[in-house]
Amino acid sequence: MPLNRELNIADPDGFYEELIAIQRDLDDEQAALFQAGLVLVLANQVGDRELLREALAIARAGVVPSADPPATPDVGLTRSR
């Protein structure tokens, strides 16, 4: 099963606002710990190591470009039409 690259979040703008709001009173270290914890909770929900490996490569490519392209060249989510 390939990683879903289409936008799949109900009310994505609302989710983004909630994600920002929940971190608003955290300092940088607390925010980093929160984000790491959230990643681990969601990774556990996904469970599939191949999907997680693909997601890691995509996320890293969006931050640190490398000579080696990720397994899927289109980085990021797209809205389905």
Protein backbone atom coordinates (compact mmCIF):
# COMPACT_ATOMS: atom_id res chain seq x y z
CA MET A 1 0.00 0.00 0.00
CA PRO A 2 1.67 3.27 -1.08
CA LEU A 3 1.76 6.34 1.10
CA ASN A 4 -1.32 8.51 0.55
CA ARG A 5 0.00 11.75 -0.97
CA GLU A 6 -3.44 13.31 -1.46
CA LEU A 7 -4.79 15.69 1.17
CA ASN A 8 -6.81 13.42 3.45
CA ILE A 9 -7.54 15.59 6.51
CA ALA A 10 -11.08 16.79 7.11
CA ASP A 11 -10.88 20.57 7.58
CA PRO A 12 -7.11 20.86 7.05
CA ASP A 13 -7.08 24.58 7.89
CA GLY A 14 -8.86 23.90 11.17
CA PHE A 15 -6.39 21.13 11.99
CA TYR A 16 -3.45 23.44 11.25
CA GLU A 17 -4.91 26.12 13.52
CA GLU A 18 -5.40 23.53 16.28
CA LEU A 19 -1.84 22.25 15.84
CA ILE A 20 -0.44 25.77 16.17
CA ALA A 21 -2.72 26.68 19.09
CA ILE A 22 -1.77 23.64 21.16
CA GLN A 23 1.90 24.70 20.99
CA ARG A 24 1.40 28.43 21.45
CA ASP A 25 2.45 28.56 25.13
CA LEU A 26 5.35 26.10 24.76
CA ASP A 27 8.99 27.14 24.57
CA ASP A 28 11.13 25.77 21.71
CA GLU A 29 12.27 22.70 23.65
CA GLN A 30 8.75 21.83 24.79
CA ALA A 31 7.43 22.32 21.24
CA ALA A 32 10.11 20.00 19.85
CA LEU A 33 9.22 17.37 22.47
CA PHE A 34 5.53 17.74 21.68
CA GLN A 35 6.16 17.37 17.94
CA ALA A 36 8.36 14.30 18.48
CA GLY A 37 5.69 12.75 20.69
CA LEU A 38 2.99 13.47 18.13
CA VAL A 39 5.11 11.86 15.39
CA LEU A 40 5.56 8.72 17.50
CA VAL A 41 1.84 8.50 18.33
CA LEU A 42 0.90 8.87 14.65
CA ALA A 43 3.66 6.47 13.54
CA ASN A 44 2.25 3.88 15.91
CA GLN A 45 -1.20 4.42 14.38
CA VAL A 46 0.19 3.91 10.85
CA GLY A 47 2.22 0.92 11.95
CA ASP A 48 3.50 -0.08 8.48
CA ARG A 49 7.31 0.26 8.44
CA GLU A 50 7.51 0.72 4.66
CA LEU A 51 4.99 3.58 4.79
CA LEU A 52 6.86 5.12 7.71
CA ARG A 53 10.19 4.81 5.87
CA GLU A 54 8.67 6.54 2.83
CA ALA A 55 7.18 9.29 5.01
CA LEU A 56 10.56 9.85 6.69
CA ALA A 57 12.29 10.19 3.31
CA ILE A 58 9.66 12.62 2.02
CA ALA A 59 9.78 14.76 5.17
CA ARG A 60 13.59 14.84 5.17
CA ALA A 61 13.76 15.74 1.48
CA GLY A 62 11.55 18.74 2.22
CA VAL A 63 14.11 19.98 4.76
CA VAL A 64 17.50 18.69 3.58
CA PRO A 65 17.85 18.35 -0.18
CA SER A 66 20.26 15.59 -1.12
CA ALA A 67 21.82 14.13 -4.23
CA ASP A 68 19.64 11.05 -3.78
CA PRO A 69 15.97 11.76 -4.58
CA PRO A 70 13.34 10.19 -2.31
CA ALA A 71 11.56 7.04 -3.48
CA THR A 72 8.67 9.22 -4.66
CA PRO A 73 9.84 12.44 -6.34
CA ASP A 74 6.75 14.57 -5.68
CA VAL A 75 7.25 15.95 -2.16
CA GLY A 76 4.26 17.06 -0.12
CA LEU A 77 0.52 16.62 -0.16
CA THR A 78 -1.77 17.60 -2.98
CA ARG A 79 -5.43 18.48 -2.82
CA SER A 80 -7.66 16.10 -4.71
CA ARG A 81 -9.92 17.81 -7.19
